[in-house]
Amino acid sequence: MVGDRESLGSLALSLPEVRRFWREQPRMHQLPQREIEADGQPAVATGFESVTGRARVDVVVAQRTFNVIGLYSTCRG
């Protein structure tokens, strides 16, 4: 597991897609990190979810390098 939750959260917040989500959903909270497998390698997923709606964005990074593997956004109303 990524040792420093703030590092992964900061990385995620630096992505343009996540910044756009934050502008559209100013009241959001970070979701817990989860260990997963993506593209055949260990990965970590984290995300942000609107406090006032059901919109969500998830970022998946390689566990060892923090290289972004995927970014998924949903707007559920």
Protein backbone atom coordinates (compact mmCIF):
# COMPACT_ATOMS: atom_id res chain seq x y z
CA MET A 1 0.00 0.00 0.00
CA VAL A 2 1.17 3.50 -0.64
CA GLY A 3 2.65 4.64 2.65
CA ASP A 4 1.65 8.28 2.54
CA ARG A 5 -2.00 8.90 1.81
CA GLU A 6 -1.45 12.63 1.34
CA SER A 7 1.11 11.99 -1.41
CA LEU A 8 -1.36 10.01 -3.50
CA GLY A 9 -4.13 12.52 -2.79
CA SER A 10 -1.84 15.36 -3.81
CA LEU A 11 -0.85 13.53 -6.97
CA ALA A 12 -4.49 12.97 -7.83
CA LEU A 13 -5.36 16.61 -7.17
CA SER A 14 -2.60 17.72 -9.53
CA LEU A 15 -4.29 16.07 -12.51
CA PRO A 16 -6.28 18.43 -14.75
CA GLU A 17 -9.32 16.14 -14.76
CA VAL A 18 -9.43 16.04 -10.97
CA ARG A 19 -8.95 19.82 -10.71
CA ARG A 20 -11.89 20.23 -13.10
CA PHE A 21 -13.95 17.86 -10.94
CA TRP A 22 -13.02 19.95 -7.86
CA ARG A 23 -14.15 23.16 -9.58
CA GLU A 24 -17.46 21.51 -10.49
CA GLN A 25 -17.85 19.84 -7.07
CA PRO A 26 -16.28 22.24 -4.54
CA ARG A 27 -17.69 20.22 -1.63
CA MET A 28 -15.99 16.87 -1.99
CA HIS A 29 -14.09 14.42 0.15
CA GLN A 30 -11.32 11.95 -0.55
CA LEU A 31 -12.23 8.28 -0.61
CA PRO A 32 -10.04 5.64 1.06
CA GLN A 33 -7.17 4.15 -0.90
CA ARG A 34 -7.66 0.61 -2.15
CA GLU A 35 -5.10 -1.88 -3.37
CA ILE A 36 -6.12 -3.36 -6.72
CA GLU A 37 -4.58 -4.92 -9.80
CA ALA A 38 -4.62 -2.94 -13.04
CA ASP A 39 -2.94 -3.75 -16.34
CA GLY A 40 -1.49 -6.86 -14.72
CA GLN A 41 0.37 -5.00 -11.99
CA PRO A 42 -0.21 -3.98 -8.37
CA ALA A 43 -1.98 -0.65 -8.26
CA VAL A 44 -3.62 1.74 -5.85
CA ALA A 45 -6.91 3.52 -6.44
CA THR A 46 -8.12 6.61 -4.71
CA GLY A 47 -10.85 9.01 -5.54
CA PHE A 48 -12.98 11.94 -4.62
CA GLU A 49 -16.73 12.10 -4.22
CA SER A 50 -19.11 15.02 -4.08
CA VAL A 51 -20.60 15.67 -0.66
CA THR A 52 -23.72 17.23 -2.17
CA GLY A 53 -24.32 14.88 -5.10
CA ARG A 54 -23.30 11.54 -6.48
CA ALA A 55 -20.45 12.62 -8.76
CA ARG A 56 -17.16 10.79 -8.31
CA VAL A 57 -13.69 10.65 -9.83
CA ASP A 58 -11.22 7.78 -9.31
CA VAL A 59 -7.51 7.71 -10.06
CA VAL A 60 -5.57 4.45 -10.45
CA VAL A 61 -1.77 4.51 -10.19
CA ALA A 62 0.94 1.87 -10.34
CA GLN A 63 1.83 0.96 -6.78
CA ARG A 64 5.60 1.20 -7.22
CA THR A 65 5.92 4.21 -9.50
CA PHE A 66 2.72 6.23 -9.02
CA ASN A 67 2.38 6.37 -12.82
CA VAL A 68 -1.26 7.00 -13.67
CA ILE A 69 -2.87 3.90 -15.17
CA GLY A 70 -6.43 5.18 -15.39
CA LEU A 71 -8.81 7.94 -14.47
CA TYR A 72 -12.56 7.35 -14.21
CA SER A 73 -15.27 9.93 -13.65
CA THR A 74 -18.96 9.47 -13.07
CA CYS A 75 -21.72 11.98 -12.66
CA ARG A 76 -24.62 10.17 -11.10
CA GLY A 77 -27.60 12.29 -10.50
